[in-house]
């Protein structure tokens, strides 16, 4: 059976930004990657949507920034 595609969208402009990062890191760590192709999309505090290609450890907050690789158009 083929894997299902799943998108984890995290971050955002709200005051819950950091909570969203922690929650997403936990989900990413525990999701069954044998069943799902996981795509992660982060939203910066200023509202930019970006595709994330990294580990769950780096999804977490680092000096007020999230590690995002490629801006989505």
PDB file of N, CA and C in Angstrom:
ATOM      1  N   UNK A   1       0.847  -1.181   0.000  1.00  0.00           N
ATOM      2  CA  UNK A   1       0.000   0.000   0.000  1.00  0.00           C
ATOM      3  C   UNK A   1       0.891   1.242   0.000  1.00  0.00           C
ATOM      4  N   UNK A   2       0.490   2.260  -0.753  1.00  0.00           N
ATOM      5  CA  UNK A   2       1.290   3.481  -0.824  1.00  0.00           C
ATOM      6  C   UNK A   2       1.046   4.357   0.404  1.00  0.00           C
ATOM      7  N   UNK A   3       2.007   5.197   0.654  1.00  0.00           N
ATOM      8  CA  UNK A   3       1.918   6.103   1.799  1.00  0.00           C
ATOM      9  C   UNK A   3       0.949   7.245   1.505  1.00  0.00           C
ATOM     10  N   UNK A   4       0.313   7.723   2.555  1.00  0.00           N
ATOM     11  CA  UNK A   4      -0.520   8.914   2.455  1.00  0.00           C
ATOM     12  C   UNK A   4       0.354  10.142   2.654  1.00  0.00           C
ATOM     13  N   UNK A   5       0.030  11.219   1.963  1.00  0.00           N
ATOM     14  CA  UNK A   5       0.725  12.481   2.152  1.00  0.00           C
ATOM     15  C   UNK A   5       0.042  13.274   3.252  1.00  0.00           C
ATOM     16  N   UNK A   6       0.854  13.811   4.171  1.00  0.00           N
ATOM     17  CA  UNK A   6       0.348  14.600   5.292  1.00  0.00           C
ATOM     18  C   UNK A   6       1.162  15.886   5.371  1.00  0.00           C
ATOM     19  N   UNK A   7       0.486  17.008   5.541  1.00  0.00           N
ATOM     20  CA  UNK A   7       1.170  18.287   5.734  1.00  0.00           C
ATOM     21  C   UNK A   7       0.979  18.736   7.173  1.00  0.00           C
ATOM     22  N   UNK A   8       2.088  19.052   7.826  1.00  0.00           N
ATOM     23  CA  UNK A   8       2.050  19.660   9.156  1.00  0.00           C
ATOM     24  C   UNK A   8       2.312  21.144   8.975  1.00  0.00           C
ATOM     25  N   UNK A   9       1.337  21.953   9.315  1.00  0.00           N
ATOM     26  CA  UNK A   9       1.461  23.402   9.190  1.00  0.00           C
ATOM     27  C   UNK A   9       1.595  23.961  10.600  1.00  0.00           C
ATOM     28  N   UNK A  10       2.639  24.754  10.818  1.00  0.00           N
ATOM     29  CA  UNK A  10       2.929  25.197  12.184  1.00  0.00           C
ATOM     30  C   UNK A  10       3.393  26.642  12.213  1.00  0.00           C
ATOM     31  N   UNK A  11       3.396  27.216  13.396  1.00  0.00           N
ATOM     32  CA  UNK A  11       3.852  28.597  13.595  1.00  0.00           C
ATOM     33  C   UNK A  11       2.688  29.560  13.535  1.00  0.00           C
ATOM     34  N   UNK A  12       2.886  30.655  12.844  1.00  0.00           N
ATOM     35  CA  UNK A  12       1.829  31.640  12.684  1.00  0.00           C
ATOM     36  C   UNK A  12       2.085  32.917  13.458  1.00  0.00           C
ATOM     37  N   UNK A  13       1.185  33.847  13.283  1.00  0.00           N
ATOM     38  CA  UNK A  13       1.346  35.185  13.837  1.00  0.00           C
ATOM     39  C   UNK A  13       0.800  35.338  15.251  1.00  0.00           C
ATOM     40  N   UNK A  14       0.171  34.330  15.783  1.00  0.00           N
ATOM     41  CA  UNK A  14      -0.473  34.463  17.094  1.00  0.00           C
ATOM     42  C   UNK A  14       0.533  34.346  18.237  1.00  0.00           C
ATOM     43  N   UNK A  15       0.065  34.627  19.415  1.00  0.00           N
ATOM     44  CA  UNK A  15       0.872  34.476  20.621  1.00  0.00           C
ATOM     45  C   UNK A  15       1.179  33.025  20.952  1.00  0.00           C
ATOM     46  N   UNK A  16       0.534  32.101  20.272  1.00  0.00           N
ATOM     47  CA  UNK A  16       0.753  30.668  20.493  1.00  0.00           C
ATOM     48  C   UNK A  16       1.788  30.087  19.531  1.00  0.00           C
ATOM     49  N   UNK A  17       2.552  30.931  18.886  1.00  0.00           N
ATOM     50  CA  UNK A  17       3.542  30.513  17.902  1.00  0.00           C
ATOM     51  C   UNK A  17       4.478  29.429  18.456  1.00  0.00           C
ATOM     52  N   UNK A  18       5.075  29.679  19.605  1.00  0.00           N
ATOM     53  CA  UNK A  18       6.030  28.750  20.188  1.00  0.00           C
ATOM     54  C   UNK A  18       5.379  27.421  20.571  1.00  0.00           C
ATOM     55  N   UNK A  19       4.144  27.481  21.043  1.00  0.00           N
ATOM     56  CA  UNK A  19       3.407  26.267  21.386  1.00  0.00           C
ATOM     57  C   UNK A  19       3.193  25.425  20.136  1.00  0.00           C
ATOM     58  N   UNK A  20       2.868  26.073  19.029  1.00  0.00           N
ATOM     59  CA  UNK A  20       2.666  25.376  17.766  1.00  0.00           C
ATOM     60  C   UNK A  20       3.942  24.671  17.321  1.00  0.00           C
ATOM     61  N   UNK A  21       5.098  25.322  17.481  1.00  0.00           N
ATOM     62  CA  UNK A  21       6.371  24.707  17.118  1.00  0.00           C
ATOM     63  C   UNK A  21       6.631  23.459  17.950  1.00  0.00           C
ATOM     64  N   UNK A  22       6.423  23.549  19.250  1.00  0.00           N
ATOM     65  CA  UNK A  22       6.642  22.395  20.135  1.00  0.00           C
ATOM     66  C   UNK A  22       5.689  21.256  19.813  1.00  0.00           C
ATOM     67  N   UNK A  23       4.432  21.589  19.569  1.00  0.00           N
ATOM     68  CA  UNK A  23       3.433  20.564  19.249  1.00  0.00           C
ATOM     69  C   UNK A  23       3.783  19.861  17.940  1.00  0.00           C
ATOM     70  N   UNK A  24       4.174  20.637  16.940  1.00  0.00           N
ATOM     71  CA  UNK A  24       4.525  20.063  15.645  1.00  0.00           C
ATOM     72  C   UNK A  24       5.750  19.171  15.755  1.00  0.00           C
ATOM     73  N   UNK A  25       6.743  19.596  16.528  1.00  0.00           N
ATOM     74  CA  UNK A  25       7.941  18.775  16.720  1.00  0.00           C
ATOM     75  C   UNK A  25       7.573  17.426  17.326  1.00  0.00           C
ATOM     76  N   UNK A  26       6.659  17.426  18.278  1.00  0.00           N
ATOM     77  CA  UNK A  26       6.219  16.181  18.907  1.00  0.00           C
ATOM     78  C   UNK A  26       5.467  15.291  17.924  1.00  0.00           C
ATOM     79  N   UNK A  27       4.572  15.878  17.167  1.00  0.00           N
ATOM     80  CA  UNK A  27       3.822  15.108  16.164  1.00  0.00           C
ATOM     81  C   UNK A  27       4.778  14.520  15.139  1.00  0.00           C
ATOM     82  N   UNK A  28       5.694  15.338  14.650  1.00  0.00           N
ATOM     83  CA  UNK A  28       6.654  14.887  13.642  1.00  0.00           C
ATOM     84  C   UNK A  28       7.500  13.727  14.171  1.00  0.00           C
ATOM     85  N   UNK A  29       7.896  13.816  15.422  1.00  0.00           N
ATOM     86  CA  UNK A  29       8.713  12.776  16.045  1.00  0.00           C
ATOM     87  C   UNK A  29       7.960  11.457  16.151  1.00  0.00           C
ATOM     88  N   UNK A  30       6.660  11.508  16.389  1.00  0.00           N
ATOM     89  CA  UNK A  30       5.882  10.302  16.677  1.00  0.00           C
ATOM     90  C   UNK A  30       5.068   9.751  15.510  1.00  0.00           C
ATOM     91  N   UNK A  31       4.921  10.495  14.440  1.00  0.00           N
ATOM     92  CA  UNK A  31       4.103  10.019  13.322  1.00  0.00           C
ATOM     93  C   UNK A  31       4.817   8.845  12.631  1.00  0.00           C
ATOM     94  N   UNK A  32       4.057   7.887  12.186  1.00  0.00           N
ATOM     95  CA  UNK A  32       4.611   6.696  11.541  1.00  0.00           C
ATOM     96  C   UNK A  32       5.032   7.032  10.113  1.00  0.00           C
ATOM     97  N   UNK A  33       6.334   7.192   9.921  1.00  0.00           N
ATOM     98  CA  UNK A  33       6.845   7.592   8.603  1.00  0.00           C
ATOM     99  C   UNK A  33       6.840   6.436   7.607  1.00  0.00           C
ATOM    100  N   UNK A  34       6.521   5.239   8.075  1.00  0.00           N
ATOM    101  CA  UNK A  34       6.313   4.115   7.150  1.00  0.00           C
ATOM    102  C   UNK A  34       4.937   4.188   6.502  1.00  0.00           C
ATOM    103  N   UNK A  35       4.009   4.918   7.139  1.00  0.00           N
ATOM    104  CA  UNK A  35       2.650   5.076   6.622  1.00  0.00           C
ATOM    105  C   UNK A  35       2.428   6.409   5.922  1.00  0.00           C
ATOM    106  N   UNK A  36       3.218   7.433   6.324  1.00  0.00           N
ATOM    107  CA  UNK A  36       2.951   8.791   5.860  1.00  0.00           C
ATOM    108  C   UNK A  36       4.190   9.459   5.283  1.00  0.00           C
ATOM    109  N   UNK A  37       4.006  10.174   4.175  1.00  0.00           N
ATOM    110  CA  UNK A  37       4.996  11.126   3.682  1.00  0.00           C
ATOM    111  C   UNK A  37       4.655  12.436   4.369  1.00  0.00           C
ATOM    112  N   UNK A  38       5.555  12.932   5.185  1.00  0.00           N
ATOM    113  CA  UNK A  38       5.270  14.117   5.989  1.00  0.00           C
ATOM    114  C   UNK A  38       5.938  15.342   5.369  1.00  0.00           C
ATOM    115  N   UNK A  39       5.140  16.364   5.107  1.00  0.00           N
ATOM    116  CA  UNK A  39       5.623  17.640   4.593  1.00  0.00           C
ATOM    117  C   UNK A  39       5.362  18.692   5.654  1.00  0.00           C
ATOM    118  N   UNK A  40       6.372  19.482   5.971  1.00  0.00           N
ATOM    119  CA  UNK A  40       6.234  20.478   7.027  1.00  0.00           C
ATOM    120  C   UNK A  40       6.293  21.881   6.429  1.00  0.00           C
ATOM    121  N   UNK A  41       5.327  22.688   6.823  1.00  0.00           N
ATOM    122  CA  UNK A  41       5.211  24.055   6.337  1.00  0.00           C
ATOM    123  C   UNK A  41       5.116  24.966   7.548  1.00  0.00           C
ATOM    124  N   UNK A  42       6.079  25.871   7.646  1.00  0.00           N
ATOM    125  CA  UNK A  42       6.094  26.801   8.769  1.00  0.00           C
ATOM    126  C   UNK A  42       5.608  28.166   8.362  1.00  0.00           C
ATOM    127  N   UNK A  43       4.942  28.823   9.297  1.00  0.00           N
ATOM    128  CA  UNK A  43       4.493  30.201   9.094  1.00  0.00           C
ATOM    129  C   UNK A  43       5.260  31.055  10.100  1.00  0.00           C
ATOM    130  N   UNK A  44       6.013  32.033   9.584  1.00  0.00           N
ATOM    131  CA  UNK A  44       6.808  32.878  10.465  1.00  0.00           C
ATOM    132  C   UNK A  44       5.904  33.815  11.259  1.00  0.00           C
ATOM    133  N   UNK A  45       6.492  34.464  12.247  1.00  0.00           N
ATOM    134  CA  UNK A  45       5.719  35.412  13.059  1.00  0.00           C
ATOM    135  C   UNK A  45       5.221  36.601  12.256  1.00  0.00           C
ATOM    136  N   UNK A  46       5.876  36.877  11.117  1.00  0.00           N
ATOM    137  CA  UNK A  46       5.388  37.975  10.280  1.00  0.00           C
ATOM    138  C   UNK A  46       4.477  37.484   9.150  1.00  0.00           C
ATOM    139  N   UNK A  47       4.101  36.191   9.188  1.00  0.00           N
ATOM    140  CA  UNK A  47       3.098  35.661   8.269  1.00  0.00           C
ATOM    141  C   UNK A  47       3.604  35.037   6.989  1.00  0.00           C
ATOM    142  N   UNK A  48       4.929  34.869   6.825  1.00  0.00           N
ATOM    143  CA  UNK A  48       5.451  34.232   5.621  1.00  0.00           C
ATOM    144  C   UNK A  48       5.335  32.715   5.743  1.00  0.00           C
ATOM    145  N   UNK A  49       4.849  32.067   4.699  1.00  0.00           N
ATOM    146  CA  UNK A  49       4.734  30.614   4.651  1.00  0.00           C
ATOM    147  C   UNK A  49       5.989  30.055   3.998  1.00  0.00           C
ATOM    148  N   UNK A  50       6.600  29.054   4.632  1.00  0.00           N
ATOM    149  CA  UNK A  50       7.839  28.501   4.116  1.00  0.00           C
ATOM    150  C   UNK A  50       7.854  26.988   4.271  1.00  0.00           C
ATOM    151  N   UNK A  51       8.444  26.326   3.283  1.00  0.00           N
ATOM    152  CA  UNK A  51       8.600  24.872   3.339  1.00  0.00           C
ATOM    153  C   UNK A  51       9.801  24.552   4.219  1.00  0.00           C
ATOM    154  N   UNK A  52       9.638  23.627   5.138  1.00  0.00           N
ATOM    155  CA  UNK A  52      10.685  23.266   6.080  1.00  0.00           C
ATOM    156  C   UNK A  52      11.254  21.906   5.723  1.00  0.00           C
ATOM    157  N   UNK A  53      12.583  21.809   5.652  1.00  0.00           N
ATOM    158  CA  UNK A  53      13.249  20.537   5.380  1.00  0.00           C
ATOM    159  C   UNK A  53      14.312  20.302   6.446  1.00  0.00           C
ATOM    160  N   UNK A  54      13.930  19.857   7.581  1.00  0.00           N
ATOM    161  CA  UNK A  54      14.898  19.620   8.645  1.00  0.00           C
ATOM    162  C   UNK A  54      14.359  18.631   9.649  1.00  0.00           C
ATOM    163  N   UNK A  55      15.090  18.476  10.723  1.00  0.00           N
ATOM    164  CA  UNK A  55      14.686  17.529  11.759  1.00  0.00           C
ATOM    165  C   UNK A  55      13.674  18.158  12.704  1.00  0.00           C
ATOM    166  N   UNK A  56      13.023  17.293  13.488  1.00  0.00           N
ATOM    167  CA  UNK A  56      12.035  17.827  14.435  1.00  0.00           C
ATOM    168  C   UNK A  56      12.706  18.656  15.517  1.00  0.00           C
ATOM    169  N   UNK A  57      13.966  18.367  15.831  1.00  0.00           N
ATOM    170  CA  UNK A  57      14.657  19.151  16.850  1.00  0.00           C
ATOM    171  C   UNK A  57      14.775  20.621  16.436  1.00  0.00           C
ATOM    172  N   UNK A  58      14.949  20.860  15.144  1.00  0.00           N
ATOM    173  CA  UNK A  58      15.122  22.222  14.660  1.00  0.00           C
ATOM    174  C   UNK A  58      13.808  22.951  14.413  1.00  0.00           C
ATOM    175  N   UNK A  59      12.684  22.253  14.509  1.00  0.00           N
ATOM    176  CA  UNK A  59      11.394  22.949  14.398  1.00  0.00           C
ATOM    177  C   UNK A  59      11.216  23.849  15.613  1.00  0.00           C
ATOM    178  N   UNK A  60      11.761  23.413  16.732  1.00  0.00           N
ATOM    179  CA  UNK A  60      11.587  24.172  17.971  1.00  0.00           C
ATOM    180  C   UNK A  60      12.225  25.547  17.872  1.00  0.00           C
ATOM    181  N   UNK A  61      11.810  26.392  18.752  1.00  0.00           N
ATOM    182  CA  UNK A  61      12.242  27.786  18.789  1.00  0.00           C
ATOM    183  C   UNK A  61      13.746  27.922  18.978  1.00  0.00           C
ATOM    184  N   UNK A  62      14.362  28.865  18.280  1.00  0.00           N
ATOM    185  CA  UNK A  62      15.771  29.192  18.470  1.00  0.00           C
ATOM    186  C   UNK A  62      15.948  30.693  18.351  1.00  0.00           C
ATOM    187  N   UNK A  63      16.075  31.369  19.491  1.00  0.00           N
ATOM    188  CA  UNK A  63      16.258  32.821  19.518  1.00  0.00           C
ATOM    189  C   UNK A  63      15.163  33.571  18.757  1.00  0.00           C
ATOM    190  N   UNK A  64      13.929  33.109  18.883  1.00  0.00           N
ATOM    191  CA  UNK A  64      12.812  33.806  18.259  1.00  0.00           C
ATOM    192  C   UNK A  64      12.618  33.499  16.791  1.00  0.00           C
ATOM    193  N   UNK A  65      13.396  32.560  16.253  1.00  0.00           N
ATOM    194  CA  UNK A  65      13.264  32.228  14.830  1.00  0.00           C
ATOM    195  C   UNK A  65      12.957  30.750  14.694  1.00  0.00           C
ATOM    196  N   UNK A  66      12.351  30.378  13.581  1.00  0.00           N
ATOM    197  CA  UNK A  66      12.217  28.972  13.251  1.00  0.00           C
ATOM    198  C   UNK A  66      13.080  28.703  12.040  1.00  0.00           C
ATOM    199  N   UNK A  67      13.636  27.506  11.976  1.00  0.00           N
ATOM    200  CA  UNK A  67      14.527  27.153  10.884  1.00  0.00           C
ATOM    201  C   UNK A  67      13.720  26.756   9.675  1.00  0.00           C
ATOM    202  N   UNK A  68      13.657  27.624   8.694  1.00  0.00           N
ATOM    203  CA  UNK A  68      12.898  27.390   7.475  1.00  0.00           C
ATOM    204  C   UNK A  68      13.822  27.468   6.282  1.00  0.00           C
ATOM    205  N   UNK A  69      13.590  26.633   5.317  1.00  0.00           N
ATOM    206  CA  UNK A  69      14.522  26.487   4.208  1.00  0.00           C
ATOM    207  C   UNK A  69      14.098  27.270   2.972  1.00  0.00           C
ATOM    208  N   UNK A  70      12.888  27.123   2.534  1.00  0.00           N
ATOM    209  CA  UNK A  70      12.503  27.625   1.217  1.00  0.00           C
ATOM    210  C   UNK A  70      11.164  28.346   1.313  1.00  0.00           C
ATOM    211  N   UNK A  71      11.139  29.591   0.906  1.00  0.00           N
ATOM    212  CA  UNK A  71       9.895  30.358   0.947  1.00  0.00           C
ATOM    213  C   UNK A  71       8.916  29.822  -0.103  1.00  0.00           C
ATOM    214  N   UNK A  72       7.679  29.619   0.292  1.00  0.00           N
ATOM    215  CA  UNK A  72       6.642  29.182  -0.645  1.00  0.00           C
ATOM    216  C   UNK A  72       6.119  30.394  -1.399  1.00  0.00           C
ATOM    217  N   UNK A  73       5.845  30.178  -2.662  1.00  0.00           N
ATOM    218  CA  UNK A  73       5.326  31.277  -3.494  1.00  0.00           C
ATOM    219  C   UNK A  73       3.829  31.258  -3.502  1.00  0.00           C
TER     220      UNK A  73
END
